[in-house]
């Protein structure tokens, strides 16, 4: 990832190292207000963009980018912008497979055909997770395992969470699996981050004790 010569900016701050961040929002307006500058900076620099979105909102997402000045047709045709849906990533075959998704994400953040030195800016909408899809435990375990396999100098990954969909205990667990966090539109190092091995050990202990997380959906 480009760091010192021409740093990537996220939520108004330059990234000084690899970034796996959770970003908590209450509304789409808040989310786009924070993330559009990050996206547009990348487009202007010729960076790649990989976005994972709700299938029902793919058109709206592209419209938001177009309204901000992105030629989305050209960017997709040239391979600069990849917009994938939950059904193409997290929920292939209608189910969540953490190991498969980790492999899918690793391919998105470091595509084999990316020009040398190119940054891929990754945004993943996690609103797919409540309800009858994977339970909250699986989501937290996935985020922890992802930290174990990310390269040391990986490209930025921003996992967006809609606070209206999650209970407080799930938000806390999600927070603990991300080294960085965006809250109130501000990016910061996460003082509550738990190293993945420790987090996975805790999750396994909960499972053995029969402790299940509360429902993810509010």
C-alpha atoms as a PDB file:
ATOM      1  CA  UNK A   1       0.000   0.000   0.000  1.00  0.00           C
ATOM      2  CA  UNK A   2       1.221   3.514  -0.824  1.00  0.00           C
ATOM      3  CA  UNK A   3       2.166   5.145   2.484  1.00  0.00           C
ATOM      4  CA  UNK A   4       4.821   7.854   2.629  1.00  0.00           C
ATOM      5  CA  UNK A   5       5.096   9.258  -0.898  1.00  0.00           C
ATOM      6  CA  UNK A   6       1.395   9.735  -1.608  1.00  0.00           C
ATOM      7  CA  UNK A   7      -0.661   8.454   1.329  1.00  0.00           C
ATOM      8  CA  UNK A   8      -4.187   7.132   1.126  1.00  0.00           C
ATOM      9  CA  UNK A   9      -6.675   9.263   3.067  1.00  0.00           C
ATOM     10  CA  UNK A  10      -9.626   7.747   4.908  1.00  0.00           C
ATOM     11  CA  UNK A  11     -12.089   9.756   6.992  1.00  0.00           C
ATOM     12  CA  UNK A  12      -9.833  12.766   6.530  1.00  0.00           C
ATOM     13  CA  UNK A  13      -6.673  11.116   7.857  1.00  0.00           C
ATOM     14  CA  UNK A  14      -3.616   9.763   6.017  1.00  0.00           C
ATOM     15  CA  UNK A  15      -3.054   6.052   6.470  1.00  0.00           C
ATOM     16  CA  UNK A  16       0.409   5.337   7.835  1.00  0.00           C
ATOM     17  CA  UNK A  17       0.063   1.551   7.709  1.00  0.00           C
ATOM     18  CA  UNK A  18      -2.243  -1.202   6.490  1.00  0.00           C
ATOM     19  CA  UNK A  19      -5.864  -0.640   7.497  1.00  0.00           C
ATOM     20  CA  UNK A  20      -8.659  -3.086   8.338  1.00  0.00           C
ATOM     21  CA  UNK A  21     -11.354  -0.849   9.791  1.00  0.00           C
ATOM     22  CA  UNK A  22     -14.931  -1.225  10.900  1.00  0.00           C
ATOM     23  CA  UNK A  23     -17.053   1.827  10.134  1.00  0.00           C
ATOM     24  CA  UNK A  24     -20.272   2.337  12.069  1.00  0.00           C
ATOM     25  CA  UNK A  25     -23.065   4.428  10.565  1.00  0.00           C
ATOM     26  CA  UNK A  26     -26.705   5.187  11.263  1.00  0.00           C
ATOM     27  CA  UNK A  27     -27.725   6.226   7.731  1.00  0.00           C
ATOM     28  CA  UNK A  28     -26.621   5.901   4.123  1.00  0.00           C
ATOM     29  CA  UNK A  29     -26.133   9.672   4.001  1.00  0.00           C
ATOM     30  CA  UNK A  30     -23.627   9.503   6.816  1.00  0.00           C
ATOM     31  CA  UNK A  31     -21.851   6.563   5.184  1.00  0.00           C
ATOM     32  CA  UNK A  32     -21.416   8.215   1.794  1.00  0.00           C
ATOM     33  CA  UNK A  33     -20.402  11.531   3.353  1.00  0.00           C
ATOM     34  CA  UNK A  34     -17.480   9.778   5.039  1.00  0.00           C
ATOM     35  CA  UNK A  35     -16.496   7.302   2.333  1.00  0.00           C
ATOM     36  CA  UNK A  36     -16.948   9.258  -0.916  1.00  0.00           C
ATOM     37  CA  UNK A  37     -13.742  11.311  -0.453  1.00  0.00           C
ATOM     38  CA  UNK A  38     -11.819   8.053   0.041  1.00  0.00           C
ATOM     39  CA  UNK A  39     -13.380   6.620  -3.127  1.00  0.00           C
ATOM     40  CA  UNK A  40     -12.907   9.753  -5.231  1.00  0.00           C
ATOM     41  CA  UNK A  41      -9.279  10.182  -4.227  1.00  0.00           C
ATOM     42  CA  UNK A  42      -8.625   6.669  -5.478  1.00  0.00           C
ATOM     43  CA  UNK A  43     -10.425   7.250  -8.781  1.00  0.00           C
ATOM     44  CA  UNK A  44      -8.413  10.418  -9.394  1.00  0.00           C
ATOM     45  CA  UNK A  45      -5.141   8.602  -8.700  1.00  0.00           C
ATOM     46  CA  UNK A  46      -5.951   5.600 -10.838  1.00  0.00           C
ATOM     47  CA  UNK A  47      -6.265   3.224  -7.894  1.00  0.00           C
ATOM     48  CA  UNK A  48      -8.526   0.208  -8.096  1.00  0.00           C
ATOM     49  CA  UNK A  49     -11.795   0.010  -6.158  1.00  0.00           C
ATOM     50  CA  UNK A  50     -13.601  -3.126  -4.970  1.00  0.00           C
ATOM     51  CA  UNK A  51     -17.024  -2.557  -3.404  1.00  0.00           C
ATOM     52  CA  UNK A  52     -19.346  -5.216  -1.986  1.00  0.00           C
ATOM     53  CA  UNK A  53     -22.958  -4.062  -1.803  1.00  0.00           C
ATOM     54  CA  UNK A  54     -26.546  -5.122  -1.254  1.00  0.00           C
ATOM     55  CA  UNK A  55     -27.865  -6.560  -4.557  1.00  0.00           C
ATOM     56  CA  UNK A  56     -30.956  -4.368  -4.208  1.00  0.00           C
ATOM     57  CA  UNK A  57     -28.793  -1.269  -3.830  1.00  0.00           C
ATOM     58  CA  UNK A  58     -26.179  -1.866  -6.530  1.00  0.00           C
ATOM     59  CA  UNK A  59     -27.857   0.585  -8.906  1.00  0.00           C
ATOM     60  CA  UNK A  60     -28.207   3.178  -6.170  1.00  0.00           C
ATOM     61  CA  UNK A  61     -24.540   2.780  -5.225  1.00  0.00           C
ATOM     62  CA  UNK A  62     -23.420   3.316  -8.814  1.00  0.00           C
ATOM     63  CA  UNK A  63     -25.748   6.319  -9.044  1.00  0.00           C
ATOM     64  CA  UNK A  64     -24.153   7.815  -5.922  1.00  0.00           C
ATOM     65  CA  UNK A  65     -20.719   7.434  -7.471  1.00  0.00           C
ATOM     66  CA  UNK A  66     -21.906   8.923 -10.763  1.00  0.00           C
ATOM     67  CA  UNK A  67     -23.449  11.909  -8.966  1.00  0.00           C
ATOM     68  CA  UNK A  68     -20.069  12.481  -7.311  1.00  0.00           C
ATOM     69  CA  UNK A  69     -18.382  12.618 -10.710  1.00  0.00           C
ATOM     70  CA  UNK A  70     -17.249   9.036 -11.320  1.00  0.00           C
ATOM     71  CA  UNK A  71     -17.677   7.680 -14.845  1.00  0.00           C
ATOM     72  CA  UNK A  72     -18.849   4.333 -13.527  1.00  0.00           C
ATOM     73  CA  UNK A  73     -19.341   2.710 -16.937  1.00  0.00           C
ATOM     74  CA  UNK A  74     -15.802   3.534 -18.017  1.00  0.00           C
ATOM     75  CA  UNK A  75     -14.303   2.623 -14.641  1.00  0.00           C
ATOM     76  CA  UNK A  76     -15.972  -0.793 -14.705  1.00  0.00           C
ATOM     77  CA  UNK A  77     -15.101  -1.408 -18.350  1.00  0.00           C
ATOM     78  CA  UNK A  78     -11.459  -0.576 -17.692  1.00  0.00           C
ATOM     79  CA  UNK A  79     -11.311  -2.771 -14.608  1.00  0.00           C
ATOM     80  CA  UNK A  80     -10.725   0.121 -12.224  1.00  0.00           C
ATOM     81  CA  UNK A  81     -14.039  -0.364 -10.400  1.00  0.00           C
ATOM     82  CA  UNK A  82     -15.505  -3.717  -9.353  1.00  0.00           C
ATOM     83  CA  UNK A  83     -18.907  -3.652  -7.674  1.00  0.00           C
ATOM     84  CA  UNK A  84     -19.865  -7.073  -6.358  1.00  0.00           C
ATOM     85  CA  UNK A  85     -23.044  -8.055  -4.525  1.00  0.00           C
ATOM     86  CA  UNK A  86     -23.479 -10.121  -1.384  1.00  0.00           C
ATOM     87  CA  UNK A  87     -24.731 -13.023  -3.518  1.00  0.00           C
ATOM     88  CA  UNK A  88     -21.475 -12.964  -5.492  1.00  0.00           C
ATOM     89  CA  UNK A  89     -19.268 -12.850  -2.424  1.00  0.00           C
ATOM     90  CA  UNK A  90     -20.490 -13.524   1.126  1.00  0.00           C
ATOM     91  CA  UNK A  91     -23.528 -15.575   0.185  1.00  0.00           C
ATOM     92  CA  UNK A  92     -22.422 -17.657  -2.790  1.00  0.00           C
ATOM     93  CA  UNK A  93     -24.719 -20.666  -3.202  1.00  0.00           C
ATOM     94  CA  UNK A  94     -27.025 -18.988  -0.693  1.00  0.00           C
ATOM     95  CA  UNK A  95     -24.813 -19.620   2.326  1.00  0.00           C
ATOM     96  CA  UNK A  96     -21.914 -18.033   4.159  1.00  0.00           C
ATOM     97  CA  UNK A  97     -18.630 -19.951   4.012  1.00  0.00           C
ATOM     98  CA  UNK A  98     -15.978 -17.997   5.970  1.00  0.00           C
ATOM     99  CA  UNK A  99     -12.975 -19.681   4.358  1.00  0.00           C
ATOM    100  CA  UNK A 100     -14.387 -19.211   0.857  1.00  0.00           C
ATOM    101  CA  UNK A 101     -15.144 -15.573   1.615  1.00  0.00           C
ATOM    102  CA  UNK A 102     -11.650 -14.943   2.928  1.00  0.00           C
ATOM    103  CA  UNK A 103     -10.224 -16.324  -0.328  1.00  0.00           C
ATOM    104  CA  UNK A 104     -12.669 -14.184  -2.308  1.00  0.00           C
ATOM    105  CA  UNK A 105     -11.699 -11.044  -0.406  1.00  0.00           C
ATOM    106  CA  UNK A 106      -7.968 -11.692  -0.696  1.00  0.00           C
ATOM    107  CA  UNK A 107      -8.398 -11.933  -4.472  1.00  0.00           C
ATOM    108  CA  UNK A 108     -10.328  -8.647  -4.488  1.00  0.00           C
ATOM    109  CA  UNK A 109      -7.773  -6.701  -2.442  1.00  0.00           C
ATOM    110  CA  UNK A 110      -4.821  -7.947  -4.474  1.00  0.00           C
ATOM    111  CA  UNK A 111      -6.002  -8.869  -7.984  1.00  0.00           C
ATOM    112  CA  UNK A 112      -3.455 -10.835  -9.968  1.00  0.00           C
ATOM    113  CA  UNK A 113      -3.668  -8.440 -12.926  1.00  0.00           C
ATOM    114  CA  UNK A 114      -3.282  -5.224 -10.902  1.00  0.00           C
ATOM    115  CA  UNK A 115      -0.549  -2.911 -12.212  1.00  0.00           C
ATOM    116  CA  UNK A 116       2.543  -2.818  -9.944  1.00  0.00           C
ATOM    117  CA  UNK A 117       2.214  -0.291  -7.131  1.00  0.00           C
ATOM    118  CA  UNK A 118      -1.536   0.057  -7.534  1.00  0.00           C
ATOM    119  CA  UNK A 119      -3.656   0.413  -4.404  1.00  0.00           C
ATOM    120  CA  UNK A 120      -7.008  -1.362  -4.192  1.00  0.00           C
ATOM    121  CA  UNK A 121      -9.497   0.460  -1.969  1.00  0.00           C
ATOM    122  CA  UNK A 122     -11.985  -2.010  -0.535  1.00  0.00           C
ATOM    123  CA  UNK A 123     -15.390  -1.304   0.987  1.00  0.00           C
ATOM    124  CA  UNK A 124     -17.712  -4.071   2.191  1.00  0.00           C
ATOM    125  CA  UNK A 125     -21.292  -3.410   3.279  1.00  0.00           C
ATOM    126  CA  UNK A 126     -22.005  -5.821   6.145  1.00  0.00           C
ATOM    127  CA  UNK A 127     -25.732  -5.139   6.437  1.00  0.00           C
ATOM    128  CA  UNK A 128     -26.309  -8.577   4.884  1.00  0.00           C
ATOM    129  CA  UNK A 129     -25.447 -10.258   8.137  1.00  0.00           C
ATOM    130  CA  UNK A 130     -28.540  -9.864  10.384  1.00  0.00           C
ATOM    131  CA  UNK A 131     -31.494 -12.171  10.364  1.00  0.00           C
ATOM    132  CA  UNK A 132     -31.579 -15.669   8.955  1.00  0.00           C
ATOM    133  CA  UNK A 133     -28.200 -15.475   7.285  1.00  0.00           C
ATOM    134  CA  UNK A 134     -25.052 -16.389   9.272  1.00  0.00           C
ATOM    135  CA  UNK A 135     -25.346 -15.851  12.990  1.00  0.00           C
ATOM    136  CA  UNK A 136     -23.430 -13.160  14.811  1.00  0.00           C
ATOM    137  CA  UNK A 137     -20.832 -15.619  16.098  1.00  0.00           C
ATOM    138  CA  UNK A 138     -19.897 -16.561  12.511  1.00  0.00           C
ATOM    139  CA  UNK A 139     -19.512 -12.910  11.529  1.00  0.00           C
ATOM    140  CA  UNK A 140     -17.194 -12.147  14.431  1.00  0.00           C
ATOM    141  CA  UNK A 141     -15.169 -15.312  13.819  1.00  0.00           C
ATOM    142  CA  UNK A 142     -14.824 -14.423  10.127  1.00  0.00           C
ATOM    143  CA  UNK A 143     -13.487 -10.945  10.953  1.00  0.00           C
ATOM    144  CA  UNK A 144     -10.998 -12.391  13.445  1.00  0.00           C
ATOM    145  CA  UNK A 145      -9.756 -15.067  11.029  1.00  0.00           C
ATOM    146  CA  UNK A 146      -9.383 -12.479   8.286  1.00  0.00           C
ATOM    147  CA  UNK A 147      -6.846 -10.642  10.463  1.00  0.00           C
ATOM    148  CA  UNK A 148      -4.757 -13.816  10.621  1.00  0.00           C
ATOM    149  CA  UNK A 149      -4.303 -14.082   6.861  1.00  0.00           C
ATOM    150  CA  UNK A 150      -4.085 -10.471   5.710  1.00  0.00           C
ATOM    151  CA  UNK A 151      -0.604  -9.583   4.428  1.00  0.00           C
ATOM    152  CA  UNK A 152       1.351  -7.208   6.662  1.00  0.00           C
ATOM    153  CA  UNK A 153       1.114  -4.377   4.131  1.00  0.00           C
ATOM    154  CA  UNK A 154      -2.324  -5.098   2.713  1.00  0.00           C
ATOM    155  CA  UNK A 155      -4.542  -2.584   0.934  1.00  0.00           C
ATOM    156  CA  UNK A 156      -7.194  -0.753   2.988  1.00  0.00           C
ATOM    157  CA  UNK A 157     -10.373  -2.651   3.868  1.00  0.00           C
ATOM    158  CA  UNK A 158     -13.388  -0.838   5.307  1.00  0.00           C
ATOM    159  CA  UNK A 159     -16.226  -2.999   6.662  1.00  0.00           C
ATOM    160  CA  UNK A 160     -19.342  -0.855   7.040  1.00  0.00           C
ATOM    161  CA  UNK A 161     -21.948  -1.699   9.670  1.00  0.00           C
ATOM    162  CA  UNK A 162     -25.399  -0.153   9.994  1.00  0.00           C
ATOM    163  CA  UNK A 163     -25.890   0.476  13.714  1.00  0.00           C
ATOM    164  CA  UNK A 164     -29.657   0.192  13.343  1.00  0.00           C
ATOM    165  CA  UNK A 165     -29.265  -3.536  12.555  1.00  0.00           C
ATOM    166  CA  UNK A 166     -27.090  -4.711  15.429  1.00  0.00           C
ATOM    167  CA  UNK A 167     -27.425  -5.096  19.176  1.00  0.00           C
ATOM    168  CA  UNK A 168     -24.852  -3.489  21.462  1.00  0.00           C
ATOM    169  CA  UNK A 169     -23.092  -6.757  22.375  1.00  0.00           C
ATOM    170  CA  UNK A 170     -22.572  -7.650  18.713  1.00  0.00           C
ATOM    171  CA  UNK A 171     -21.238  -4.176  17.952  1.00  0.00           C
ATOM    172  CA  UNK A 172     -18.706  -4.595  20.755  1.00  0.00           C
ATOM    173  CA  UNK A 173     -17.510  -7.941  19.389  1.00  0.00           C
ATOM    174  CA  UNK A 174     -17.260  -6.525  15.867  1.00  0.00           C
ATOM    175  CA  UNK A 175     -15.299  -3.582  17.223  1.00  0.00           C
ATOM    176  CA  UNK A 176     -12.857  -5.934  18.943  1.00  0.00           C
ATOM    177  CA  UNK A 177     -11.976  -7.648  15.641  1.00  0.00           C
ATOM    178  CA  UNK A 178     -10.822  -4.521  13.777  1.00  0.00           C
ATOM    179  CA  UNK A 179      -7.469  -2.792  14.340  1.00  0.00           C
ATOM    180  CA  UNK A 180      -8.981   0.523  13.269  1.00  0.00           C
ATOM    181  CA  UNK A 181     -12.444   2.042  13.632  1.00  0.00           C
ATOM    182  CA  UNK A 182     -14.522   4.862  12.179  1.00  0.00           C
ATOM    183  CA  UNK A 183     -17.051   6.238  14.643  1.00  0.00           C
ATOM    184  CA  UNK A 184     -18.797   9.547  14.164  1.00  0.00           C
ATOM    185  CA  UNK A 185     -16.948   9.942  10.880  1.00  0.00           C
ATOM    186  CA  UNK A 186     -13.547   9.882  12.624  1.00  0.00           C
ATOM    187  CA  UNK A 187     -10.862   7.257  11.941  1.00  0.00           C
ATOM    188  CA  UNK A 188      -8.760   6.133  14.868  1.00  0.00           C
ATOM    189  CA  UNK A 189      -6.611   3.299  16.120  1.00  0.00           C
ATOM    190  CA  UNK A 190      -8.912   0.921  17.962  1.00  0.00           C
ATOM    191  CA  UNK A 191      -7.957   0.630  21.658  1.00  0.00           C
ATOM    192  CA  UNK A 192     -10.389  -2.280  22.026  1.00  0.00           C
ATOM    193  CA  UNK A 193      -8.820  -4.459  19.300  1.00  0.00           C
ATOM    194  CA  UNK A 194      -8.087  -8.019  20.406  1.00  0.00           C
ATOM    195  CA  UNK A 195      -5.409 -10.039  18.544  1.00  0.00           C
ATOM    196  CA  UNK A 196      -7.082 -12.700  16.388  1.00  0.00           C
ATOM    197  CA  UNK A 197      -5.672 -15.753  18.188  1.00  0.00           C
ATOM    198  CA  UNK A 198      -6.931 -14.416  21.520  1.00  0.00           C
ATOM    199  CA  UNK A 199     -10.328 -13.512  20.050  1.00  0.00           C
ATOM    200  CA  UNK A 200     -10.758 -16.929  18.441  1.00  0.00           C
ATOM    201  CA  UNK A 201      -9.833 -18.639  21.710  1.00  0.00           C
ATOM    202  CA  UNK A 202     -12.491 -16.589  23.487  1.00  0.00           C
ATOM    203  CA  UNK A 203     -15.103 -17.441  20.850  1.00  0.00           C
ATOM    204  CA  UNK A 204     -14.302 -21.140  21.142  1.00  0.00           C
ATOM    205  CA  UNK A 205     -14.610 -20.952  24.927  1.00  0.00           C
ATOM    206  CA  UNK A 206     -18.021 -19.338  24.544  1.00  0.00           C
ATOM    207  CA  UNK A 207     -19.081 -22.058  22.139  1.00  0.00           C
ATOM    208  CA  UNK A 208     -17.939 -24.815  24.503  1.00  0.00           C
ATOM    209  CA  UNK A 209     -19.815 -23.138  27.350  1.00  0.00           C
ATOM    210  CA  UNK A 210     -22.960 -22.908  25.254  1.00  0.00           C
ATOM    211  CA  UNK A 211     -22.913 -19.133  25.300  1.00  0.00           C
ATOM    212  CA  UNK A 212     -24.504 -17.790  22.142  1.00  0.00           C
ATOM    213  CA  UNK A 213     -24.520 -14.145  21.123  1.00  0.00           C
ATOM    214  CA  UNK A 214     -27.741 -12.216  21.192  1.00  0.00           C
ATOM    215  CA  UNK A 215     -29.561 -11.748  17.941  1.00  0.00           C
ATOM    216  CA  UNK A 216     -27.692  -9.463  15.567  1.00  0.00           C
ATOM    217  CA  UNK A 217     -30.857  -7.754  14.424  1.00  0.00           C
ATOM    218  CA  UNK A 218     -32.445  -5.094  16.541  1.00  0.00           C
END
